[in-house]
């Protein structure tokens, strides 16, 4: 039976507050398990998914963009269930060295060599997926920056127009006061 973690344990492991976990569950339509009493519990897979989501948020992605990436993330995590490896934190050379060393140790039998090759192939696929994901993230960030720049430009134009109106109103008011009597009989 796989290990079950409480909400509190998951919060400690991920560094994400419980209300944020619930919000992500709802917004991203995640299927979180519940026990007999209806309480949420999380698996190593769920925790890994939350860590990946947290990393994507840290990189600036919005939930709607992350929601589109969830199928890709979950597909790539199928072999990671409780390994503790974080997909988006980067895969170091240790992994490929580990695969190479296991290939050398297993050279005695064809089966262990095939296993090592499959492991190296999986690592290459993970690296390829990470590259694609980073490209998508960069593309989304550029899009967000362009939108933000458009909003700034529009905001600047609106503020400039408001300032011009205030100045025109002040000039009109000043001009209007000079034409009216001041109440003492002088102009």
C-alpha atoms as a PDB file:
ATOM      1  CA  UNK A   1       0.000   0.000   0.000  1.00  0.00           C
ATOM      2  CA  UNK A   2       1.378   3.399  -0.913  1.00  0.00           C
ATOM      3  CA  UNK A   3       2.188   5.912   1.803  1.00  0.00           C
ATOM      4  CA  UNK A   4      -0.552   8.391   2.639  1.00  0.00           C
ATOM      5  CA  UNK A   5       0.261  11.870   3.888  1.00  0.00           C
ATOM      6  CA  UNK A   6      -2.029  14.196   5.809  1.00  0.00           C
ATOM      7  CA  UNK A   7      -2.635  17.776   4.790  1.00  0.00           C
ATOM      8  CA  UNK A   8      -0.261  18.946   7.533  1.00  0.00           C
ATOM      9  CA  UNK A   9       2.505  16.598   6.375  1.00  0.00           C
ATOM     10  CA  UNK A  10       2.011  17.696   2.777  1.00  0.00           C
ATOM     11  CA  UNK A  11       2.216  21.359   3.795  1.00  0.00           C
ATOM     12  CA  UNK A  12       5.498  20.647   5.602  1.00  0.00           C
ATOM     13  CA  UNK A  13       6.926  18.685   2.670  1.00  0.00           C
ATOM     14  CA  UNK A  14       5.944  21.133  -0.081  1.00  0.00           C
ATOM     15  CA  UNK A  15       6.063  24.453   1.736  1.00  0.00           C
ATOM     16  CA  UNK A  16       2.644  25.274   0.268  1.00  0.00           C
ATOM     17  CA  UNK A  17      -0.161  26.366   2.589  1.00  0.00           C
ATOM     18  CA  UNK A  18      -3.199  24.094   2.904  1.00  0.00           C
ATOM     19  CA  UNK A  19      -5.631  26.617   1.449  1.00  0.00           C
ATOM     20  CA  UNK A  20      -3.353  26.974  -1.594  1.00  0.00           C
ATOM     21  CA  UNK A  21      -3.323  23.187  -2.038  1.00  0.00           C
ATOM     22  CA  UNK A  22      -7.133  23.170  -1.975  1.00  0.00           C
ATOM     23  CA  UNK A  23      -7.238  26.106  -4.397  1.00  0.00           C
ATOM     24  CA  UNK A  24      -4.875  24.356  -6.819  1.00  0.00           C
ATOM     25  CA  UNK A  25      -6.921  21.170  -6.490  1.00  0.00           C
ATOM     26  CA  UNK A  26     -10.055  23.048  -7.484  1.00  0.00           C
ATOM     27  CA  UNK A  27      -8.586  25.317 -10.186  1.00  0.00           C
ATOM     28  CA  UNK A  28      -6.454  22.645 -11.833  1.00  0.00           C
ATOM     29  CA  UNK A  29      -9.130  19.968 -11.420  1.00  0.00           C
ATOM     30  CA  UNK A  30      -6.736  17.605  -9.636  1.00  0.00           C
ATOM     31  CA  UNK A  31      -8.082  14.285  -8.414  1.00  0.00           C
ATOM     32  CA  UNK A  32      -7.028  14.166  -4.757  1.00  0.00           C
ATOM     33  CA  UNK A  33      -7.868  11.056  -2.759  1.00  0.00           C
ATOM     34  CA  UNK A  34     -10.076  11.041   0.325  1.00  0.00           C
ATOM     35  CA  UNK A  35     -10.248   8.573   3.175  1.00  0.00           C
ATOM     36  CA  UNK A  36     -13.363   6.865   4.562  1.00  0.00           C
ATOM     37  CA  UNK A  37     -14.250  10.007   6.554  1.00  0.00           C
ATOM     38  CA  UNK A  38     -13.939  12.248   3.505  1.00  0.00           C
ATOM     39  CA  UNK A  39     -10.648  13.837   4.587  1.00  0.00           C
ATOM     40  CA  UNK A  40      -8.029  14.568   1.962  1.00  0.00           C
ATOM     41  CA  UNK A  41      -4.854  12.537   1.898  1.00  0.00           C
ATOM     42  CA  UNK A  42      -1.938  12.844  -0.459  1.00  0.00           C
ATOM     43  CA  UNK A  43       0.427  10.349  -2.025  1.00  0.00           C
ATOM     44  CA  UNK A  44       4.052  10.792  -3.019  1.00  0.00           C
ATOM     45  CA  UNK A  45       2.804  11.339  -6.555  1.00  0.00           C
ATOM     46  CA  UNK A  46       0.499  14.172  -5.385  1.00  0.00           C
ATOM     47  CA  UNK A  47       3.321  15.797  -3.443  1.00  0.00           C
ATOM     48  CA  UNK A  48       5.587  15.583  -6.478  1.00  0.00           C
ATOM     49  CA  UNK A  49       2.871  17.175  -8.600  1.00  0.00           C
ATOM     50  CA  UNK A  50       2.463  20.019  -6.086  1.00  0.00           C
ATOM     51  CA  UNK A  51       6.227  20.597  -6.088  1.00  0.00           C
ATOM     52  CA  UNK A  52       6.174  20.820  -9.874  1.00  0.00           C
ATOM     53  CA  UNK A  53       3.244  23.244  -9.793  1.00  0.00           C
ATOM     54  CA  UNK A  54       5.035  25.313  -7.153  1.00  0.00           C
ATOM     55  CA  UNK A  55       8.135  25.494  -9.368  1.00  0.00           C
ATOM     56  CA  UNK A  56       6.076  26.568 -12.380  1.00  0.00           C
ATOM     57  CA  UNK A  57       4.410  29.267 -10.266  1.00  0.00           C
ATOM     58  CA  UNK A  58       7.852  30.392  -9.069  1.00  0.00           C
ATOM     59  CA  UNK A  59       8.898  30.722 -12.704  1.00  0.00           C
ATOM     60  CA  UNK A  60       5.958  33.042 -13.305  1.00  0.00           C
ATOM     61  CA  UNK A  61       3.326  30.849 -14.924  1.00  0.00           C
ATOM     62  CA  UNK A  62      -0.313  31.464 -14.166  1.00  0.00           C
ATOM     63  CA  UNK A  63      -2.630  28.645 -13.152  1.00  0.00           C
ATOM     64  CA  UNK A  64      -4.471  28.663 -16.475  1.00  0.00           C
ATOM     65  CA  UNK A  65      -1.160  27.986 -18.276  1.00  0.00           C
ATOM     66  CA  UNK A  66      -0.207  25.342 -15.720  1.00  0.00           C
ATOM     67  CA  UNK A  67      -3.601  23.690 -16.192  1.00  0.00           C
ATOM     68  CA  UNK A  68      -2.747  23.195 -19.876  1.00  0.00           C
ATOM     69  CA  UNK A  69       0.599  21.635 -18.898  1.00  0.00           C
ATOM     70  CA  UNK A  70      -0.790  19.227 -16.264  1.00  0.00           C
ATOM     71  CA  UNK A  71      -1.307  16.324 -18.725  1.00  0.00           C
ATOM     72  CA  UNK A  72       2.321  16.619 -19.877  1.00  0.00           C
ATOM     73  CA  UNK A  73       3.604  16.869 -16.317  1.00  0.00           C
ATOM     74  CA  UNK A  74       1.607  13.888 -15.108  1.00  0.00           C
ATOM     75  CA  UNK A  75       2.631  11.817 -18.125  1.00  0.00           C
ATOM     76  CA  UNK A  76       6.292  12.504 -17.421  1.00  0.00           C
ATOM     77  CA  UNK A  77       5.850  11.713 -13.726  1.00  0.00           C
ATOM     78  CA  UNK A  78       4.476   8.223 -14.246  1.00  0.00           C
ATOM     79  CA  UNK A  79       7.811   6.662 -13.307  1.00  0.00           C
ATOM     80  CA  UNK A  80       8.502   9.029 -10.433  1.00  0.00           C
ATOM     81  CA  UNK A  81       5.668   8.039  -8.111  1.00  0.00           C
ATOM     82  CA  UNK A  82       7.559   8.063  -4.809  1.00  0.00           C
ATOM     83  CA  UNK A  83      11.149   8.536  -5.933  1.00  0.00           C
ATOM     84  CA  UNK A  84      11.371  12.034  -4.481  1.00  0.00           C
ATOM     85  CA  UNK A  85      12.877  13.362  -7.679  1.00  0.00           C
ATOM     86  CA  UNK A  86      11.627  16.808  -8.606  1.00  0.00           C
ATOM     87  CA  UNK A  87      11.024  17.047 -12.333  1.00  0.00           C
ATOM     88  CA  UNK A  88      11.503  20.769 -12.740  1.00  0.00           C
ATOM     89  CA  UNK A  89      14.442  21.370 -10.419  1.00  0.00           C
ATOM     90  CA  UNK A  90      16.781  20.148 -13.107  1.00  0.00           C
ATOM     91  CA  UNK A  91      18.417  16.834 -13.630  1.00  0.00           C
ATOM     92  CA  UNK A  92      22.093  16.797 -12.784  1.00  0.00           C
ATOM     93  CA  UNK A  93      24.843  14.861 -14.418  1.00  0.00           C
ATOM     94  CA  UNK A  94      24.677  12.458 -11.483  1.00  0.00           C
ATOM     95  CA  UNK A  95      21.689  10.771 -13.072  1.00  0.00           C
ATOM     96  CA  UNK A  96      23.451  10.060 -16.338  1.00  0.00           C
ATOM     97  CA  UNK A  97      26.605   8.993 -14.455  1.00  0.00           C
ATOM     98  CA  UNK A  98      24.456   6.682 -12.370  1.00  0.00           C
ATOM     99  CA  UNK A  99      22.965   5.205 -15.521  1.00  0.00           C
ATOM    100  CA  UNK A 100      26.414   4.757 -17.063  1.00  0.00           C
ATOM    101  CA  UNK A 101      27.849   3.139 -13.938  1.00  0.00           C
ATOM    102  CA  UNK A 102      24.902   0.774 -13.678  1.00  0.00           C
ATOM    103  CA  UNK A 103      25.442  -0.099 -17.343  1.00  0.00           C
ATOM    104  CA  UNK A 104      29.104  -0.922 -16.633  1.00  0.00           C
ATOM    105  CA  UNK A 105      28.236  -3.016 -13.581  1.00  0.00           C
ATOM    106  CA  UNK A 106      25.534  -4.836 -15.452  1.00  0.00           C
ATOM    107  CA  UNK A 107      27.643  -5.646 -18.511  1.00  0.00           C
ATOM    108  CA  UNK A 108      27.690  -9.290 -17.422  1.00  0.00           C
ATOM    109  CA  UNK A 109      24.110  -9.818 -18.431  1.00  0.00           C
ATOM    110  CA  UNK A 110      22.184  -8.506 -21.377  1.00  0.00           C
ATOM    111  CA  UNK A 111      19.153  -7.761 -19.217  1.00  0.00           C
ATOM    112  CA  UNK A 112      20.996  -5.339 -16.933  1.00  0.00           C
ATOM    113  CA  UNK A 113      22.547  -3.607 -19.967  1.00  0.00           C
ATOM    114  CA  UNK A 114      19.129  -3.196 -21.530  1.00  0.00           C
ATOM    115  CA  UNK A 115      17.832  -1.809 -18.239  1.00  0.00           C
ATOM    116  CA  UNK A 116      20.676   0.713 -18.086  1.00  0.00           C
ATOM    117  CA  UNK A 117      20.053   1.755 -21.694  1.00  0.00           C
ATOM    118  CA  UNK A 118      16.369   2.212 -20.960  1.00  0.00           C
ATOM    119  CA  UNK A 119      17.259   4.294 -17.897  1.00  0.00           C
ATOM    120  CA  UNK A 120      19.587   6.514 -19.946  1.00  0.00           C
ATOM    121  CA  UNK A 121      16.906   6.788 -22.642  1.00  0.00           C
ATOM    122  CA  UNK A 122      14.365   7.794 -19.980  1.00  0.00           C
ATOM    123  CA  UNK A 123      16.788  10.419 -18.648  1.00  0.00           C
ATOM    124  CA  UNK A 124      17.218  11.801 -22.159  1.00  0.00           C
ATOM    125  CA  UNK A 125      13.445  11.955 -22.561  1.00  0.00           C
ATOM    126  CA  UNK A 126      13.158  13.779 -19.251  1.00  0.00           C
ATOM    127  CA  UNK A 127      15.796  16.274 -20.348  1.00  0.00           C
ATOM    128  CA  UNK A 128      13.991  16.753 -23.650  1.00  0.00           C
ATOM    129  CA  UNK A 129      10.697  17.247 -21.844  1.00  0.00           C
ATOM    130  CA  UNK A 130      12.299  19.736 -19.477  1.00  0.00           C
ATOM    131  CA  UNK A 131      13.687  21.694 -22.446  1.00  0.00           C
ATOM    132  CA  UNK A 132      10.255  21.778 -24.072  1.00  0.00           C
ATOM    133  CA  UNK A 133       8.644  22.814 -20.804  1.00  0.00           C
ATOM    134  CA  UNK A 134      11.181  25.598 -20.260  1.00  0.00           C
ATOM    135  CA  UNK A 135      10.546  26.836 -23.810  1.00  0.00           C
ATOM    136  CA  UNK A 136       6.798  26.881 -23.135  1.00  0.00           C
ATOM    137  CA  UNK A 137       7.376  28.724 -19.862  1.00  0.00           C
ATOM    138  CA  UNK A 138       9.597  31.311 -21.554  1.00  0.00           C
ATOM    139  CA  UNK A 139       6.996  31.762 -24.284  1.00  0.00           C
ATOM    140  CA  UNK A 140       4.235  32.282 -21.714  1.00  0.00           C
ATOM    141  CA  UNK A 141       6.378  34.766 -19.771  1.00  0.00           C
ATOM    142  CA  UNK A 142       7.081  36.755 -22.949  1.00  0.00           C
ATOM    143  CA  UNK A 143       3.357  36.811 -23.691  1.00  0.00           C
ATOM    144  CA  UNK A 144       2.594  38.008 -20.166  1.00  0.00           C
ATOM    145  CA  UNK A 145       5.279  40.696 -20.413  1.00  0.00           C
ATOM    146  CA  UNK A 146       3.849  41.933 -23.706  1.00  0.00           C
ATOM    147  CA  UNK A 147       0.378  42.093 -22.168  1.00  0.00           C
ATOM    148  CA  UNK A 148       1.755  43.908 -19.143  1.00  0.00           C
ATOM    149  CA  UNK A 149       3.595  46.404 -21.360  1.00  0.00           C
ATOM    150  CA  UNK A 150       0.392  47.070 -23.318  1.00  0.00           C
ATOM    151  CA  UNK A 151      -1.453  47.703 -20.054  1.00  0.00           C
ATOM    152  CA  UNK A 152       1.285  50.062 -18.850  1.00  0.00           C
ATOM    153  CA  UNK A 153       1.149  51.978 -22.107  1.00  0.00           C
ATOM    154  CA  UNK A 154      -2.629  52.273 -21.909  1.00  0.00           C
ATOM    155  CA  UNK A 155      -2.433  53.339 -18.265  1.00  0.00           C
ATOM    156  CA  UNK A 156       0.137  56.021 -19.152  1.00  0.00           C
ATOM    157  CA  UNK A 157      -2.092  57.351 -21.960  1.00  0.00           C
ATOM    158  CA  UNK A 158      -5.113  57.476 -19.643  1.00  0.00           C
ATOM    159  CA  UNK A 159      -3.147  59.311 -16.945  1.00  0.00           C
ATOM    160  CA  UNK A 160      -1.795  61.786 -19.497  1.00  0.00           C
ATOM    161  CA  UNK A 161      -5.339  62.459 -20.765  1.00  0.00           C
ATOM    162  CA  UNK A 162      -6.621  62.949 -17.199  1.00  0.00           C
ATOM    163  CA  UNK A 163      -3.808  65.413 -16.467  1.00  0.00           C
ATOM    164  CA  UNK A 164      -4.593  67.370 -19.623  1.00  0.00           C
ATOM    165  CA  UNK A 165      -8.266  67.564 -18.621  1.00  0.00           C
ATOM    166  CA  UNK A 166      -7.354  68.774 -15.122  1.00  0.00           C
ATOM    167  CA  UNK A 167      -5.069  71.443 -16.553  1.00  0.00           C
ATOM    168  CA  UNK A 168      -7.750  72.563 -19.025  1.00  0.00           C
ATOM    169  CA  UNK A 169     -10.352  72.711 -16.229  1.00  0.00           C
ATOM    170  CA  UNK A 170      -7.976  74.717 -14.022  1.00  0.00           C
ATOM    171  CA  UNK A 171      -7.241  77.158 -16.863  1.00  0.00           C
ATOM    172  CA  UNK A 172     -10.940  77.513 -17.627  1.00  0.00           C
ATOM    173  CA  UNK A 173     -11.748  78.120 -13.965  1.00  0.00           C
ATOM    174  CA  UNK A 174      -9.018  80.749 -13.668  1.00  0.00           C
ATOM    175  CA  UNK A 175     -10.248  82.494 -16.819  1.00  0.00           C
ATOM    176  CA  UNK A 176     -13.850  82.355 -15.579  1.00  0.00           C
ATOM    177  CA  UNK A 177     -13.015  83.967 -12.220  1.00  0.00           C
ATOM    178  CA  UNK A 178     -11.377  86.978 -13.835  1.00  0.00           C
ATOM    179  CA  UNK A 179     -14.601  87.790 -15.764  1.00  0.00           C
ATOM    180  CA  UNK A 180     -16.943  87.581 -12.739  1.00  0.00           C
ATOM    181  CA  UNK A 181     -17.511  90.139 -10.061  1.00  0.00           C
ATOM    182  CA  UNK A 182     -15.761  89.350  -6.830  1.00  0.00           C
ATOM    183  CA  UNK A 183     -18.765  90.366  -4.716  1.00  0.00           C
ATOM    184  CA  UNK A 184     -17.339  93.687  -3.480  1.00  0.00           C
ATOM    185  CA  UNK A 185     -18.148  95.607  -6.599  1.00  0.00           C
ATOM    186  CA  UNK A 186     -14.814  95.288  -8.255  1.00  0.00           C
ATOM    187  CA  UNK A 187     -13.994  93.443 -11.349  1.00  0.00           C
END
